[in-house]
């Protein structure tokens, strides 16, 4: 899955320095606006964000979620923005009433996020743009109490208890995997972006979430897996000291083979960059 140069290549980190052309204030403003527009487009596969809103007079569908059979209700037109639900409702085409979808293996908290996204184009905490700092942040996030850290602390706990796992994992990871099952590509991008804004997560939670990501995404989708590999490498000093990391590595799995390959590529990039800076002698 991860061939050579999984991370930034030596060309990106070394080489001849070229003088950047001057850019006007207008150019900078346009560049920032393009970034904002790109992130706003993440929400555009919600039917409620389309130019023509779906009919909220369409049939109401009952969704039964989880082992406790928690009940949700949603408009058919909204649900059908997902290929998964479109297919599920196609089999009930001749039933004008009592349309029902059973999701016994889904987590109610995660399905609530999915439903909120389908109606509103995002799920709480929403991704918001800080115009003053020209950065993205999670709604309600506050500055870290540690003055040595510039990270923001999320207003909402980023983890939840997953009954299938039997432990705590990251909510955004579960949302990503659910979005993959339901065919919501833009929601996958949104949840991945939100994960990149989280900080201060315990090692054990990260590793459990990484295993969950590997177990619930296809090998052809490497984005979430690459996120965890990059996170572990970036925070390798913390993970190296962790007894949890040692136990997880002894258990093994594809996660750690991919981590080994990614680490080798990372070391190769450092060596290549070092060689590029070393003057050649004749």
C-alpha atoms as a PDB file:
ATOM      1  CA  UNK A   1       0.000   0.000   0.000  1.00  0.00           C
ATOM      2  CA  UNK A   2       2.773   2.380   0.863  1.00  0.00           C
ATOM      3  CA  UNK A   3       5.454   2.388  -1.781  1.00  0.00           C
ATOM      4  CA  UNK A   4       8.584   4.441  -1.754  1.00  0.00           C
ATOM      5  CA  UNK A   5       8.108   8.059  -0.804  1.00  0.00           C
ATOM      6  CA  UNK A   6       4.944   7.716   1.218  1.00  0.00           C
ATOM      7  CA  UNK A   7       5.828  11.000   2.836  1.00  0.00           C
ATOM      8  CA  UNK A   8       7.407  14.193   1.530  1.00  0.00           C
ATOM      9  CA  UNK A   9      10.222  13.412  -0.859  1.00  0.00           C
ATOM     10  CA  UNK A  10      13.734  14.812  -0.569  1.00  0.00           C
ATOM     11  CA  UNK A  11      12.964  17.087  -3.491  1.00  0.00           C
ATOM     12  CA  UNK A  12      10.334  18.781  -1.356  1.00  0.00           C
ATOM     13  CA  UNK A  13      12.751  19.404   1.485  1.00  0.00           C
ATOM     14  CA  UNK A  14      16.031  20.302  -0.160  1.00  0.00           C
ATOM     15  CA  UNK A  15      17.606  21.533  -3.339  1.00  0.00           C
ATOM     16  CA  UNK A  16      18.308  24.865  -4.936  1.00  0.00           C
ATOM     17  CA  UNK A  17      16.469  27.792  -3.406  1.00  0.00           C
ATOM     18  CA  UNK A  18      14.633  29.802  -5.994  1.00  0.00           C
ATOM     19  CA  UNK A  19      13.412  33.304  -5.508  1.00  0.00           C
ATOM     20  CA  UNK A  20       9.651  33.463  -5.215  1.00  0.00           C
ATOM     21  CA  UNK A  21       7.885  35.963  -7.476  1.00  0.00           C
ATOM     22  CA  UNK A  22       6.303  38.920  -5.755  1.00  0.00           C
ATOM     23  CA  UNK A  23       2.654  38.515  -4.972  1.00  0.00           C
ATOM     24  CA  UNK A  24       0.217  41.328  -4.485  1.00  0.00           C
ATOM     25  CA  UNK A  25      -2.228  41.602  -1.596  1.00  0.00           C
ATOM     26  CA  UNK A  26      -4.988  40.794  -4.070  1.00  0.00           C
ATOM     27  CA  UNK A  27      -3.218  37.544  -5.033  1.00  0.00           C
ATOM     28  CA  UNK A  28      -2.936  36.551  -1.354  1.00  0.00           C
ATOM     29  CA  UNK A  29      -6.612  37.309  -0.792  1.00  0.00           C
ATOM     30  CA  UNK A  30      -7.612  35.223  -3.792  1.00  0.00           C
ATOM     31  CA  UNK A  31      -5.431  32.344  -2.593  1.00  0.00           C
ATOM     32  CA  UNK A  32      -7.049  32.385   0.857  1.00  0.00           C
ATOM     33  CA  UNK A  33     -10.502  32.618  -0.668  1.00  0.00           C
ATOM     34  CA  UNK A  34      -9.800  29.575  -2.834  1.00  0.00           C
ATOM     35  CA  UNK A  35      -8.857  27.617   0.302  1.00  0.00           C
ATOM     36  CA  UNK A  36     -12.054  28.711   2.038  1.00  0.00           C
ATOM     37  CA  UNK A  37     -14.142  27.826  -1.032  1.00  0.00           C
ATOM     38  CA  UNK A  38     -12.498  24.408  -1.235  1.00  0.00           C
ATOM     39  CA  UNK A  39     -13.309  23.606   2.376  1.00  0.00           C
ATOM     40  CA  UNK A  40     -16.865  24.904   2.041  1.00  0.00           C
ATOM     41  CA  UNK A  41     -17.324  22.546  -0.919  1.00  0.00           C
ATOM     42  CA  UNK A  42     -16.813  19.637   1.486  1.00  0.00           C
ATOM     43  CA  UNK A  43     -20.378  20.253   2.651  1.00  0.00           C
ATOM     44  CA  UNK A  44     -21.861  20.299  -0.826  1.00  0.00           C
ATOM     45  CA  UNK A  45     -22.855  16.644  -1.005  1.00  0.00           C
ATOM     46  CA  UNK A  46     -25.466  17.249   1.657  1.00  0.00           C
ATOM     47  CA  UNK A  47     -28.840  17.538  -0.074  1.00  0.00           C
ATOM     48  CA  UNK A  48     -29.724  20.486   2.121  1.00  0.00           C
ATOM     49  CA  UNK A  49     -26.791  22.438   0.658  1.00  0.00           C
ATOM     50  CA  UNK A  50     -27.820  21.984  -2.960  1.00  0.00           C
ATOM     51  CA  UNK A  51     -29.389  24.815  -4.919  1.00  0.00           C
ATOM     52  CA  UNK A  52     -32.679  22.954  -4.963  1.00  0.00           C
ATOM     53  CA  UNK A  53     -33.469  21.483  -1.550  1.00  0.00           C
ATOM     54  CA  UNK A  54     -35.031  18.024  -1.450  1.00  0.00           C
ATOM     55  CA  UNK A  55     -38.701  17.724  -0.729  1.00  0.00           C
ATOM     56  CA  UNK A  56     -39.172  17.533   3.004  1.00  0.00           C
ATOM     57  CA  UNK A  57     -42.651  16.215   2.300  1.00  0.00           C
ATOM     58  CA  UNK A  58     -41.215  12.926   1.060  1.00  0.00           C
ATOM     59  CA  UNK A  59     -41.909   9.707   2.936  1.00  0.00           C
ATOM     60  CA  UNK A  60     -40.600   9.333   6.455  1.00  0.00           C
ATOM     61  CA  UNK A  61     -38.303   6.358   6.948  1.00  0.00           C
ATOM     62  CA  UNK A  62     -37.703   4.717  10.321  1.00  0.00           C
ATOM     63  CA  UNK A  63     -34.119   3.646  10.985  1.00  0.00           C
ATOM     64  CA  UNK A  64     -33.494   1.146  13.781  1.00  0.00           C
ATOM     65  CA  UNK A  65     -29.915   1.471  14.993  1.00  0.00           C
ATOM     66  CA  UNK A  66     -27.703  -0.659  17.213  1.00  0.00           C
ATOM     67  CA  UNK A  67     -28.332  -3.675  19.440  1.00  0.00           C
ATOM     68  CA  UNK A  68     -30.641  -1.576  21.644  1.00  0.00           C
ATOM     69  CA  UNK A  69     -32.745  -0.727  18.552  1.00  0.00           C
ATOM     70  CA  UNK A  70     -32.687   3.022  18.973  1.00  0.00           C
ATOM     71  CA  UNK A  71     -35.172   4.667  16.600  1.00  0.00           C
ATOM     72  CA  UNK A  72     -34.384   7.479  14.159  1.00  0.00           C
ATOM     73  CA  UNK A  73     -36.624   9.066  11.542  1.00  0.00           C
ATOM     74  CA  UNK A  74     -35.576  10.809   8.337  1.00  0.00           C
ATOM     75  CA  UNK A  75     -37.012  11.940   5.012  1.00  0.00           C
ATOM     76  CA  UNK A  76     -36.531   9.507   2.181  1.00  0.00           C
ATOM     77  CA  UNK A  77     -35.123  12.163  -0.166  1.00  0.00           C
ATOM     78  CA  UNK A  78     -32.480  13.065   2.401  1.00  0.00           C
ATOM     79  CA  UNK A  79     -31.464   9.459   3.049  1.00  0.00           C
ATOM     80  CA  UNK A  80     -31.294   8.719  -0.675  1.00  0.00           C
ATOM     81  CA  UNK A  81     -28.327  11.042  -1.040  1.00  0.00           C
ATOM     82  CA  UNK A  82     -26.452   7.955   0.185  1.00  0.00           C
ATOM     83  CA  UNK A  83     -26.132   5.114  -2.366  1.00  0.00           C
ATOM     84  CA  UNK A  84     -26.413   2.631   0.499  1.00  0.00           C
ATOM     85  CA  UNK A  85     -29.801   3.906   1.650  1.00  0.00           C
ATOM     86  CA  UNK A  86     -31.002   4.356  -1.931  1.00  0.00           C
ATOM     87  CA  UNK A  87     -30.448   0.655  -2.519  1.00  0.00           C
ATOM     88  CA  UNK A  88     -32.024  -0.301   0.806  1.00  0.00           C
ATOM     89  CA  UNK A  89     -35.183   1.702   0.042  1.00  0.00           C
ATOM     90  CA  UNK A  90     -35.447   0.465  -3.538  1.00  0.00           C
ATOM     91  CA  UNK A  91     -36.527  -2.915  -2.187  1.00  0.00           C
ATOM     92  CA  UNK A  92     -39.372  -1.144  -0.336  1.00  0.00           C
ATOM     93  CA  UNK A  93     -40.566   0.844  -3.339  1.00  0.00           C
ATOM     94  CA  UNK A  94     -44.147  -0.462  -3.219  1.00  0.00           C
ATOM     95  CA  UNK A  95     -44.531   0.212   0.494  1.00  0.00           C
ATOM     96  CA  UNK A  96     -46.015   3.680   0.878  1.00  0.00           C
ATOM     97  CA  UNK A  97     -45.909   3.457   4.682  1.00  0.00           C
ATOM     98  CA  UNK A  98     -43.857   1.675   7.322  1.00  0.00           C
ATOM     99  CA  UNK A  99     -40.583   2.052   5.446  1.00  0.00           C
ATOM    100  CA  UNK A 100     -37.827   0.822   7.716  1.00  0.00           C
ATOM    101  CA  UNK A 101     -34.076   0.270   7.618  1.00  0.00           C
ATOM    102  CA  UNK A 102     -32.304  -1.878  10.219  1.00  0.00           C
ATOM    103  CA  UNK A 103     -28.696  -1.100  11.140  1.00  0.00           C
ATOM    104  CA  UNK A 104     -28.015  -3.513  14.017  1.00  0.00           C
ATOM    105  CA  UNK A 105     -24.224  -3.103  13.900  1.00  0.00           C
ATOM    106  CA  UNK A 106     -24.176   0.698  13.736  1.00  0.00           C
ATOM    107  CA  UNK A 107     -23.481   2.935  16.715  1.00  0.00           C
ATOM    108  CA  UNK A 108     -26.384   5.331  17.451  1.00  0.00           C
ATOM    109  CA  UNK A 109     -23.997   8.209  18.189  1.00  0.00           C
ATOM    110  CA  UNK A 110     -22.273   7.739  14.836  1.00  0.00           C
ATOM    111  CA  UNK A 111     -25.512   7.416  12.906  1.00  0.00           C
ATOM    112  CA  UNK A 112     -26.668  10.632  14.549  1.00  0.00           C
ATOM    113  CA  UNK A 113     -23.582  12.328  13.064  1.00  0.00           C
ATOM    114  CA  UNK A 114     -24.379  10.840   9.650  1.00  0.00           C
ATOM    115  CA  UNK A 115     -27.978  12.061   9.782  1.00  0.00           C
ATOM    116  CA  UNK A 116     -26.946  15.528  10.941  1.00  0.00           C
ATOM    117  CA  UNK A 117     -24.507  15.735   8.041  1.00  0.00           C
ATOM    118  CA  UNK A 118     -27.141  14.698   5.507  1.00  0.00           C
ATOM    119  CA  UNK A 119     -29.469  17.451   6.714  1.00  0.00           C
ATOM    120  CA  UNK A 120     -26.988  20.232   7.543  1.00  0.00           C
ATOM    121  CA  UNK A 121     -23.805  19.531   5.588  1.00  0.00           C
ATOM    122  CA  UNK A 122     -21.726  19.010   8.751  1.00  0.00           C
ATOM    123  CA  UNK A 123     -21.935  17.370  12.166  1.00  0.00           C
ATOM    124  CA  UNK A 124     -21.179  18.765  15.609  1.00  0.00           C
ATOM    125  CA  UNK A 125     -18.685  20.133  16.379  1.00  0.00           C
ATOM    126  CA  UNK A 126     -18.746  21.859  12.978  1.00  0.00           C
ATOM    127  CA  UNK A 127     -15.625  22.822  11.058  1.00  0.00           C
ATOM    128  CA  UNK A 128     -15.382  26.620  11.075  1.00  0.00           C
ATOM    129  CA  UNK A 129     -12.989  29.070   9.472  1.00  0.00           C
ATOM    130  CA  UNK A 130     -11.095  31.519  11.700  1.00  0.00           C
ATOM    131  CA  UNK A 131     -10.811  34.509   9.361  1.00  0.00           C
ATOM    132  CA  UNK A 132      -8.488  36.403  11.692  1.00  0.00           C
ATOM    133  CA  UNK A 133      -5.923  33.598  11.848  1.00  0.00           C
ATOM    134  CA  UNK A 134      -6.748  32.155   8.401  1.00  0.00           C
ATOM    135  CA  UNK A 135      -6.990  28.689   9.918  1.00  0.00           C
ATOM    136  CA  UNK A 136      -9.627  26.014  10.385  1.00  0.00           C
ATOM    137  CA  UNK A 137     -10.865  24.990  13.809  1.00  0.00           C
ATOM    138  CA  UNK A 138     -13.632  22.990  15.440  1.00  0.00           C
ATOM    139  CA  UNK A 139     -16.660  24.884  16.668  1.00  0.00           C
ATOM    140  CA  UNK A 140     -16.310  25.922  20.301  1.00  0.00           C
ATOM    141  CA  UNK A 141     -12.588  25.069  20.519  1.00  0.00           C
ATOM    142  CA  UNK A 142     -10.651  27.182  23.028  1.00  0.00           C
ATOM    143  CA  UNK A 143      -6.961  27.932  23.432  1.00  0.00           C
ATOM    144  CA  UNK A 144      -4.907  25.382  25.348  1.00  0.00           C
ATOM    145  CA  UNK A 145      -4.266  26.294  29.018  1.00  0.00           C
ATOM    146  CA  UNK A 146      -0.619  25.422  28.415  1.00  0.00           C
ATOM    147  CA  UNK A 147       1.037  28.644  27.152  1.00  0.00           C
ATOM    148  CA  UNK A 148       3.799  26.579  25.511  1.00  0.00           C
ATOM    149  CA  UNK A 149       1.297  24.944  23.187  1.00  0.00           C
ATOM    150  CA  UNK A 150      -0.525  26.674  20.404  1.00  0.00           C
ATOM    151  CA  UNK A 151      -3.084  23.882  20.050  1.00  0.00           C
ATOM    152  CA  UNK A 152      -6.748  24.471  20.692  1.00  0.00           C
ATOM    153  CA  UNK A 153      -8.737  22.244  23.017  1.00  0.00           C
ATOM    154  CA  UNK A 154     -11.971  20.829  21.614  1.00  0.00           C
ATOM    155  CA  UNK A 155     -15.160  21.867  23.397  1.00  0.00           C
ATOM    156  CA  UNK A 156     -16.606  18.392  22.796  1.00  0.00           C
ATOM    157  CA  UNK A 157     -14.947  15.155  23.867  1.00  0.00           C
ATOM    158  CA  UNK A 158     -13.443  13.736  20.648  1.00  0.00           C
ATOM    159  CA  UNK A 159     -13.864  10.118  21.771  1.00  0.00           C
ATOM    160  CA  UNK A 160     -16.819   7.860  22.516  1.00  0.00           C
ATOM    161  CA  UNK A 161     -17.429   4.339  23.791  1.00  0.00           C
ATOM    162  CA  UNK A 162     -17.876   1.976  20.845  1.00  0.00           C
ATOM    163  CA  UNK A 163     -19.912  -1.041  21.918  1.00  0.00           C
ATOM    164  CA  UNK A 164     -18.508  -3.183  19.107  1.00  0.00           C
ATOM    165  CA  UNK A 165     -14.935  -2.439  20.133  1.00  0.00           C
ATOM    166  CA  UNK A 166     -15.757  -2.503  23.822  1.00  0.00           C
ATOM    167  CA  UNK A 167     -13.613   0.559  24.476  1.00  0.00           C
ATOM    168  CA  UNK A 168     -13.013   4.221  23.691  1.00  0.00           C
ATOM    169  CA  UNK A 169     -12.077   5.282  20.134  1.00  0.00           C
ATOM    170  CA  UNK A 170     -12.058   8.550  18.198  1.00  0.00           C
ATOM    171  CA  UNK A 171     -15.506   9.593  16.991  1.00  0.00           C
ATOM    172  CA  UNK A 172     -14.243  11.045  13.705  1.00  0.00           C
ATOM    173  CA  UNK A 173     -12.586   7.743  12.832  1.00  0.00           C
ATOM    174  CA  UNK A 174     -15.879   5.901  13.296  1.00  0.00           C
ATOM    175  CA  UNK A 175     -17.666   8.587  11.240  1.00  0.00           C
ATOM    176  CA  UNK A 176     -15.122   8.147   8.427  1.00  0.00           C
ATOM    177  CA  UNK A 177     -15.668   4.378   8.362  1.00  0.00           C
ATOM    178  CA  UNK A 178     -19.449   4.781   8.430  1.00  0.00           C
ATOM    179  CA  UNK A 179     -19.269   7.334   5.612  1.00  0.00           C
ATOM    180  CA  UNK A 180     -17.301   4.782   3.605  1.00  0.00           C
ATOM    181  CA  UNK A 181     -20.030   2.171   4.140  1.00  0.00           C
ATOM    182  CA  UNK A 182     -22.762   4.595   3.110  1.00  0.00           C
ATOM    183  CA  UNK A 183     -20.918   5.990   0.094  1.00  0.00           C
ATOM    184  CA  UNK A 184     -20.508   9.568   1.373  1.00  0.00           C
ATOM    185  CA  UNK A 185     -17.126  10.579  -0.030  1.00  0.00           C
ATOM    186  CA  UNK A 186     -17.274  14.229   1.009  1.00  0.00           C
ATOM    187  CA  UNK A 187     -18.126  13.264   4.570  1.00  0.00           C
ATOM    188  CA  UNK A 188     -15.000  11.107   4.603  1.00  0.00           C
ATOM    189  CA  UNK A 189     -12.926  14.166   3.661  1.00  0.00           C
ATOM    190  CA  UNK A 190     -14.633  16.258   6.321  1.00  0.00           C
ATOM    191  CA  UNK A 191     -14.125  13.734   9.131  1.00  0.00           C
ATOM    192  CA  UNK A 192     -10.494  13.240   8.139  1.00  0.00           C
ATOM    193  CA  UNK A 193      -9.915  17.000   8.257  1.00  0.00           C
ATOM    194  CA  UNK A 194     -11.461  17.139  11.719  1.00  0.00           C
ATOM    195  CA  UNK A 195      -9.177  14.371  12.993  1.00  0.00           C
ATOM    196  CA  UNK A 196      -6.179  16.433  11.959  1.00  0.00           C
ATOM    197  CA  UNK A 197      -7.334  19.183  14.339  1.00  0.00           C
ATOM    198  CA  UNK A 198      -7.438  16.948  17.413  1.00  0.00           C
ATOM    199  CA  UNK A 199      -4.604  16.900  19.959  1.00  0.00           C
ATOM    200  CA  UNK A 200      -3.814  15.486  23.371  1.00  0.00           C
ATOM    201  CA  UNK A 201      -5.277  12.043  22.620  1.00  0.00           C
ATOM    202  CA  UNK A 202      -3.963   9.119  24.682  1.00  0.00           C
ATOM    203  CA  UNK A 203      -1.689   6.603  22.972  1.00  0.00           C
ATOM    204  CA  UNK A 204      -4.019   3.710  23.710  1.00  0.00           C
ATOM    205  CA  UNK A 205      -6.974   5.528  22.152  1.00  0.00           C
ATOM    206  CA  UNK A 206      -4.972   6.355  19.028  1.00  0.00           C
ATOM    207  CA  UNK A 207      -3.837   2.760  18.569  1.00  0.00           C
ATOM    208  CA  UNK A 208      -7.334   1.348  19.120  1.00  0.00           C
ATOM    209  CA  UNK A 209      -8.709   3.860  16.635  1.00  0.00           C
ATOM    210  CA  UNK A 210      -5.990   2.974  14.132  1.00  0.00           C
ATOM    211  CA  UNK A 211      -6.833  -0.721  14.412  1.00  0.00           C
ATOM    212  CA  UNK A 212     -10.507   0.093  13.960  1.00  0.00           C
ATOM    213  CA  UNK A 213      -9.648   2.116  10.850  1.00  0.00           C
ATOM    214  CA  UNK A 214      -7.709  -0.814   9.382  1.00  0.00           C
ATOM    215  CA  UNK A 215     -10.514  -3.249  10.139  1.00  0.00           C
ATOM    216  CA  UNK A 216     -13.251  -1.059   8.678  1.00  0.00           C
ATOM    217  CA  UNK A 217     -11.720   0.431   5.532  1.00  0.00           C
ATOM    218  CA  UNK A 218     -10.733  -1.367   2.317  1.00  0.00           C
ATOM    219  CA  UNK A 219      -7.078  -1.689   1.331  1.00  0.00           C
ATOM    220  CA  UNK A 220      -7.838   0.543  -1.650  1.00  0.00           C
ATOM    221  CA  UNK A 221      -8.603   3.475   0.680  1.00  0.00           C
ATOM    222  CA  UNK A 222      -5.342   4.530   2.296  1.00  0.00           C
ATOM    223  CA  UNK A 223      -6.218   8.065   3.461  1.00  0.00           C
ATOM    224  CA  UNK A 224      -7.311   7.324   7.018  1.00  0.00           C
ATOM    225  CA  UNK A 225      -4.628   4.676   7.450  1.00  0.00           C
ATOM    226  CA  UNK A 226      -1.949   7.095   6.229  1.00  0.00           C
ATOM    227  CA  UNK A 227      -3.215   9.674   8.731  1.00  0.00           C
ATOM    228  CA  UNK A 228      -2.491   7.300  11.609  1.00  0.00           C
ATOM    229  CA  UNK A 229       0.890   6.219  10.253  1.00  0.00           C
ATOM    230  CA  UNK A 230       1.978   9.837   9.875  1.00  0.00           C
ATOM    231  CA  UNK A 231       0.705  10.637  13.377  1.00  0.00           C
ATOM    232  CA  UNK A 232       2.676   7.791  14.955  1.00  0.00           C
ATOM    233  CA  UNK A 233       5.864   8.745  13.108  1.00  0.00           C
ATOM    234  CA  UNK A 234       5.440  12.415  13.957  1.00  0.00           C
ATOM    235  CA  UNK A 235       4.940  11.564  17.658  1.00  0.00           C
ATOM    236  CA  UNK A 236       7.406   8.661  17.681  1.00  0.00           C
ATOM    237  CA  UNK A 237       9.127   9.748  20.912  1.00  0.00           C
ATOM    238  CA  UNK A 238       5.851   9.443  22.796  1.00  0.00           C
ATOM    239  CA  UNK A 239       4.930   6.119  21.200  1.00  0.00           C
ATOM    240  CA  UNK A 240       8.428   4.710  21.743  1.00  0.00           C
ATOM    241  CA  UNK A 241       8.066   5.162  25.498  1.00  0.00           C
ATOM    242  CA  UNK A 242       4.579   3.692  25.591  1.00  0.00           C
ATOM    243  CA  UNK A 243       3.997   0.254  27.068  1.00  0.00           C
ATOM    244  CA  UNK A 244       0.715   0.159  25.152  1.00  0.00           C
ATOM    245  CA  UNK A 245       2.610   0.553  21.893  1.00  0.00           C
ATOM    246  CA  UNK A 246       4.861  -2.363  22.811  1.00  0.00           C
ATOM    247  CA  UNK A 247       1.900  -4.616  23.576  1.00  0.00           C
ATOM    248  CA  UNK A 248       0.139  -3.644  20.355  1.00  0.00           C
ATOM    249  CA  UNK A 249       3.280  -4.341  18.318  1.00  0.00           C
ATOM    250  CA  UNK A 250       3.590  -7.783  19.909  1.00  0.00           C
ATOM    251  CA  UNK A 251       0.007  -8.501  18.813  1.00  0.00           C
ATOM    252  CA  UNK A 252       0.957  -7.358  15.322  1.00  0.00           C
ATOM    253  CA  UNK A 253      -1.224  -6.852  12.295  1.00  0.00           C
ATOM    254  CA  UNK A 254      -1.117  -5.020   8.966  1.00  0.00           C
ATOM    255  CA  UNK A 255      -0.977  -1.681  10.761  1.00  0.00           C
ATOM    256  CA  UNK A 256       2.539  -2.364  11.997  1.00  0.00           C
ATOM    257  CA  UNK A 257       3.817  -3.708   8.694  1.00  0.00           C
ATOM    258  CA  UNK A 258       2.612  -0.509   7.026  1.00  0.00           C
ATOM    259  CA  UNK A 259       4.220   1.477   9.832  1.00  0.00           C
ATOM    260  CA  UNK A 260       7.526  -0.308   9.210  1.00  0.00           C
ATOM    261  CA  UNK A 261       7.382   0.508   5.481  1.00  0.00           C
ATOM    262  CA  UNK A 262       6.454   4.125   6.200  1.00  0.00           C
ATOM    263  CA  UNK A 263       9.313   4.455   8.707  1.00  0.00           C
ATOM    264  CA  UNK A 264      11.785   3.032   6.180  1.00  0.00           C
ATOM    265  CA  UNK A 265      10.608   5.531   3.570  1.00  0.00           C
ATOM    266  CA  UNK A 266      10.893   8.321   6.114  1.00  0.00           C
ATOM    267  CA  UNK A 267      14.481   7.344   6.947  1.00  0.00           C
ATOM    268  CA  UNK A 268      15.308   7.074   3.223  1.00  0.00           C
ATOM    269  CA  UNK A 269      14.015  10.612   2.687  1.00  0.00           C
ATOM    270  CA  UNK A 270      16.211  11.922   5.500  1.00  0.00           C
ATOM    271  CA  UNK A 271      19.269  10.165   4.042  1.00  0.00           C
ATOM    272  CA  UNK A 272      18.503  11.478   0.549  1.00  0.00           C
ATOM    273  CA  UNK A 273      18.086  15.004   1.889  1.00  0.00           C
ATOM    274  CA  UNK A 274      21.371  14.736   3.792  1.00  0.00           C
ATOM    275  CA  UNK A 275      23.210  13.472   0.708  1.00  0.00           C
ATOM    276  CA  UNK A 276      21.752  16.299  -1.388  1.00  0.00           C
ATOM    277  CA  UNK A 277      23.189  18.867   1.033  1.00  0.00           C
ATOM    278  CA  UNK A 278      26.631  17.233   1.136  1.00  0.00           C
ATOM    279  CA  UNK A 279      28.983  18.852  -1.448  1.00  0.00           C
ATOM    280  CA  UNK A 280      30.334  16.395  -3.984  1.00  0.00           C
ATOM    281  CA  UNK A 281      34.093  16.012  -4.342  1.00  0.00           C
ATOM    282  CA  UNK A 282      35.990  14.968  -7.420  1.00  0.00           C
END
